[in-house]
């Protein structure tokens, strides 16, 4: 096993889980995840970080995928602690292994930054959502300030290699709008106590138009 393979299998997932569960980040999650209702699908569910924020009384069923099989074990444990029968599968957002119109709600937190083909992923999210369904999103990405964006562009090539393909410069709400969602932004801004190049976040609700 080469160093790159070992790093991606053993170190990188733990680093990402740690970074994505810091106090300020968890405050953002607490503003988004409890809005989930009905049959829920979570994209990038590995680690089970969001489970403490779900409202069990509002969830009919829970399913999710993550490309890292090891992280799914933690998600299964979190779902079991919640008392849920969860359908969790290893997979990628470009080819979600669930049928058309299977879910009322998608939860996507700190995931769109690292997918290989964000346009295809958003197409898949629309496919699995029922008419009138919604995608709850919380993502970091392209900063609106030119000086910060310049630093993001400089740092991104190295950052991607260290952080599992995470991009710093991807747009968030505008990309969802461009993929056919009606976006209601609930909040945006730089995260306190976080370097500005990695701290711009946007969160809200992206609704699929009813047929």
Protein backbone atom coordinates (compact mmCIF):
# COMPACT_ATOMS: atom_id res chain seq x y z
CA UNK A 1 0.00 0.00 0.00
CA UNK A 2 1.46 3.34 -1.07
CA UNK A 3 1.47 6.41 1.16
CA UNK A 4 -1.28 8.13 -0.86
CA UNK A 5 -3.60 5.13 -0.55
CA UNK A 6 -2.83 4.74 3.15
CA UNK A 7 -3.37 8.46 3.79
CA UNK A 8 -6.71 8.55 1.97
CA UNK A 9 -7.94 5.42 3.73
CA UNK A 10 -6.76 6.12 7.28
CA UNK A 11 -5.83 9.76 7.86
CA UNK A 12 -7.86 11.96 5.53
CA UNK A 13 -11.35 10.76 6.64
CA UNK A 14 -10.46 11.38 10.29
CA UNK A 15 -9.10 14.85 9.53
CA UNK A 16 -12.23 15.81 7.62
CA UNK A 17 -14.51 14.43 10.34
CA UNK A 18 -12.63 16.41 12.97
CA UNK A 19 -12.72 19.64 10.94
CA UNK A 20 -16.41 19.23 10.14
CA UNK A 21 -17.40 18.73 13.77
CA UNK A 22 -15.88 21.87 15.29
CA UNK A 23 -18.07 24.06 17.49
CA UNK A 24 -18.93 26.80 14.97
CA UNK A 25 -19.63 24.22 12.28
CA UNK A 26 -21.93 22.29 14.61
CA UNK A 27 -23.89 25.49 15.26
CA UNK A 28 -24.51 25.76 11.54
CA UNK A 29 -25.61 22.12 11.37
CA UNK A 30 -28.05 22.76 14.23
CA UNK A 31 -29.72 25.43 12.09
CA UNK A 32 -30.21 23.18 9.06
CA UNK A 33 -30.50 19.48 9.88
CA UNK A 34 -33.57 19.68 12.19
CA UNK A 35 -35.58 20.93 9.19
CA UNK A 36 -35.47 17.45 7.62
CA UNK A 37 -38.88 15.79 7.22
CA UNK A 38 -40.37 12.61 5.79
CA UNK A 39 -38.26 10.11 3.87
CA UNK A 40 -34.75 11.53 4.20
CA UNK A 41 -31.61 10.88 2.17
CA UNK A 42 -28.22 12.17 3.33
CA UNK A 43 -25.45 12.66 0.78
CA UNK A 44 -22.03 12.12 2.35
CA UNK A 45 -23.41 10.69 5.57
CA UNK A 46 -20.14 9.12 6.73
CA UNK A 47 -19.28 9.70 10.37
CA UNK A 48 -22.89 10.24 11.46
CA UNK A 49 -22.13 13.81 12.55
CA UNK A 50 -25.60 15.10 11.69
CA UNK A 51 -27.53 12.48 13.64
CA UNK A 52 -27.68 14.40 16.90
CA UNK A 53 -29.63 17.14 15.11
CA UNK A 54 -32.31 15.09 13.36
CA UNK A 55 -35.81 15.20 14.83
CA UNK A 56 -36.86 11.51 15.03
CA UNK A 57 -40.53 12.46 15.26
CA UNK A 58 -40.29 14.15 11.85
CA UNK A 59 -38.40 11.38 10.02
CA UNK A 60 -40.30 8.56 8.31
CA UNK A 61 -37.21 6.79 6.97
CA UNK A 62 -33.49 7.50 6.67
CA UNK A 63 -31.01 6.49 3.98
CA UNK A 64 -27.59 7.70 2.92
CA UNK A 65 -24.41 7.08 1.01
CA UNK A 66 -20.73 7.84 1.50
CA UNK A 67 -17.69 6.86 -0.58
CA UNK A 68 -15.71 5.88 2.54
CA UNK A 69 -16.82 2.50 3.81
CA UNK A 70 -15.06 2.89 7.15
CA UNK A 71 -16.96 6.06 7.98
CA UNK A 72 -20.26 4.31 7.38
CA UNK A 73 -19.66 2.16 10.46
CA UNK A 74 -19.89 5.29 12.62
CA UNK A 75 -23.05 6.30 10.79
CA UNK A 76 -24.63 2.92 11.42
CA UNK A 77 -23.80 3.23 15.12
CA UNK A 78 -25.33 6.71 15.25
CA UNK A 79 -28.47 5.51 13.49
CA UNK A 80 -28.76 2.56 15.85
CA UNK A 81 -28.45 4.88 18.84
CA UNK A 82 -31.29 6.92 17.34
CA UNK A 83 -33.42 3.79 17.05
CA UNK A 84 -33.60 4.01 13.25
CA UNK A 85 -33.52 1.27 10.66
CA UNK A 86 -31.20 3.05 8.23
CA UNK A 87 -30.43 2.08 4.64
CA UNK A 88 -26.75 3.05 4.32
CA UNK A 89 -24.68 2.24 1.25
CA UNK A 90 -21.20 2.93 0.00
CA UNK A 91 -21.39 5.05 -3.12
CA UNK A 92 -20.89 8.39 -4.83
CA UNK A 93 -23.26 11.25 -5.53
CA UNK A 94 -22.75 11.00 -9.28
CA UNK A 95 -24.66 7.70 -9.28
CA UNK A 96 -26.98 7.55 -6.26
CA UNK A 97 -28.20 3.93 -5.84
CA UNK A 98 -31.85 4.79 -5.16
CA UNK A 99 -34.82 5.09 -7.47
CA UNK A 100 -36.47 8.17 -8.94
CA UNK A 101 -38.64 10.24 -6.58
CA UNK A 102 -37.69 8.14 -3.54
CA UNK A 103 -37.30 10.92 -0.98
CA UNK A 104 -39.03 13.97 0.44
CA UNK A 105 -35.81 15.54 1.67
CA UNK A 106 -32.10 15.49 0.92
CA UNK A 107 -29.52 16.62 3.48
CA UNK A 108 -26.18 17.74 2.07
CA UNK A 109 -23.55 19.17 4.43
CA UNK A 110 -19.93 19.85 3.46
CA UNK A 111 -20.13 17.41 0.57
CA UNK A 112 -20.56 19.31 -2.71
CA UNK A 113 -17.05 20.73 -2.30
CA UNK A 114 -15.47 17.31 -2.81
CA UNK A 115 -17.61 15.51 -5.39
CA UNK A 116 -16.01 14.89 -8.77
CA UNK A 117 -18.88 16.23 -10.90
CA UNK A 118 -21.12 18.68 -9.00
CA UNK A 119 -23.47 19.21 -11.95
CA UNK A 120 -24.16 15.48 -12.20
CA UNK A 121 -24.59 15.21 -8.42
CA UNK A 122 -27.20 17.98 -8.41
CA UNK A 123 -28.94 16.25 -11.30
CA UNK A 124 -29.04 13.08 -9.20
CA UNK A 125 -30.42 14.95 -6.20
CA UNK A 126 -33.26 16.29 -8.32
CA UNK A 127 -33.89 12.80 -9.66
CA UNK A 128 -34.31 11.13 -6.27
CA UNK A 129 -36.44 13.93 -4.83
CA UNK A 130 -40.20 13.81 -5.12
CA UNK A 131 -42.03 16.77 -6.69
CA UNK A 132 -42.05 19.55 -4.13
CA UNK A 133 -39.18 17.92 -2.21
CA UNK A 134 -36.33 19.90 -0.75
CA UNK A 135 -32.57 19.70 -0.38
CA UNK A 136 -31.18 21.17 2.83
CA UNK A 137 -27.66 22.40 2.25
CA UNK A 138 -24.77 23.66 4.36
CA UNK A 139 -21.59 24.11 2.37
CA UNK A 140 -18.35 26.05 2.34
CA UNK A 141 -17.11 27.45 -0.94
CA UNK A 142 -16.33 30.40 -3.15
CA UNK A 143 -15.90 33.59 -1.14
CA UNK A 144 -17.55 36.80 -2.41
CA UNK A 145 -14.52 38.97 -1.58
CA UNK A 146 -11.86 39.27 -4.26
CA UNK A 147 -8.90 39.22 -1.90
CA UNK A 148 -10.13 36.04 -0.18
CA UNK A 149 -10.93 34.40 -3.51
CA UNK A 150 -7.37 35.02 -4.70
CA UNK A 151 -6.06 33.12 -1.69
CA UNK A 152 -8.56 30.34 -2.28
CA UNK A 153 -7.32 29.96 -5.85
CA UNK A 154 -3.69 29.86 -4.70
CA UNK A 155 -4.26 27.34 -1.92
CA UNK A 156 -6.80 25.07 -3.63
CA UNK A 157 -4.37 22.84 -5.63
CA UNK A 158 -2.57 21.73 -2.46
CA UNK A 159 -5.74 21.77 -0.35
CA UNK A 160 -7.47 19.30 -2.68
CA UNK A 161 -4.68 16.76 -2.28
CA UNK A 162 -4.73 16.98 1.51
CA UNK A 163 -8.49 17.16 2.01
CA UNK A 164 -9.95 14.43 -0.15
CA UNK A 165 -10.57 16.48 -3.27
CA UNK A 166 -12.20 19.37 -1.38
CA UNK A 167 -12.50 22.52 -3.52
CA UNK A 168 -12.37 25.98 -1.99
CA UNK A 169 -13.72 27.92 -4.97
CA UNK A 170 -16.96 26.14 -5.88
CA UNK A 171 -20.09 28.31 -5.85
CA UNK A 172 -22.93 27.10 -3.64
CA UNK A 173 -26.42 28.63 -3.85
CA UNK A 174 -25.88 29.89 -7.40
CA UNK A 175 -24.85 26.40 -8.53
CA UNK A 176 -28.01 24.90 -7.05
CA UNK A 177 -30.10 27.56 -8.76
CA UNK A 178 -28.35 26.79 -12.04
CA UNK A 179 -29.30 23.13 -11.61
CA UNK A 180 -33.02 23.85 -11.45
CA UNK A 181 -33.63 24.34 -7.74
CA UNK A 182 -35.47 27.26 -6.20
CA UNK A 183 -33.10 28.36 -3.44
CA UNK A 184 -34.03 30.01 -0.17
CA UNK A 185 -30.83 31.14 1.54
CA UNK A 186 -31.15 30.92 5.32
CA UNK A 187 -27.71 32.31 6.07
CA UNK A 188 -24.25 33.03 4.75
CA UNK A 189 -20.99 34.43 6.04
CA UNK A 190 -17.48 33.72 7.24
CA UNK A 191 -17.22 31.26 10.10
CA UNK A 192 -15.72 32.74 13.27
CA UNK A 193 -12.29 31.44 14.31
CA UNK A 194 -11.73 29.93 10.87
CA UNK A 195 -9.25 31.10 8.19
CA UNK A 196 -11.26 33.16 5.73
CA UNK A 197 -10.06 31.17 2.72
CA UNK A 198 -11.83 28.10 4.20
CA UNK A 199 -14.53 29.85 6.17
CA UNK A 200 -17.14 31.15 3.73
CA UNK A 201 -20.38 29.21 4.24
CA UNK A 202 -23.88 29.28 2.82
CA UNK A 203 -26.87 27.32 4.10
CA UNK A 204 -30.50 27.07 3.13
CA UNK A 205 -33.25 25.15 1.34
CA UNK A 206 -33.19 24.18 -2.34
CA UNK A 207 -36.65 23.15 -3.49
CA UNK A 208 -37.50 20.97 -6.44
CA UNK A 209 -40.33 22.43 -8.46
CA UNK A 210 -43.55 20.44 -8.38
CA UNK A 211 -44.43 18.66 -11.61
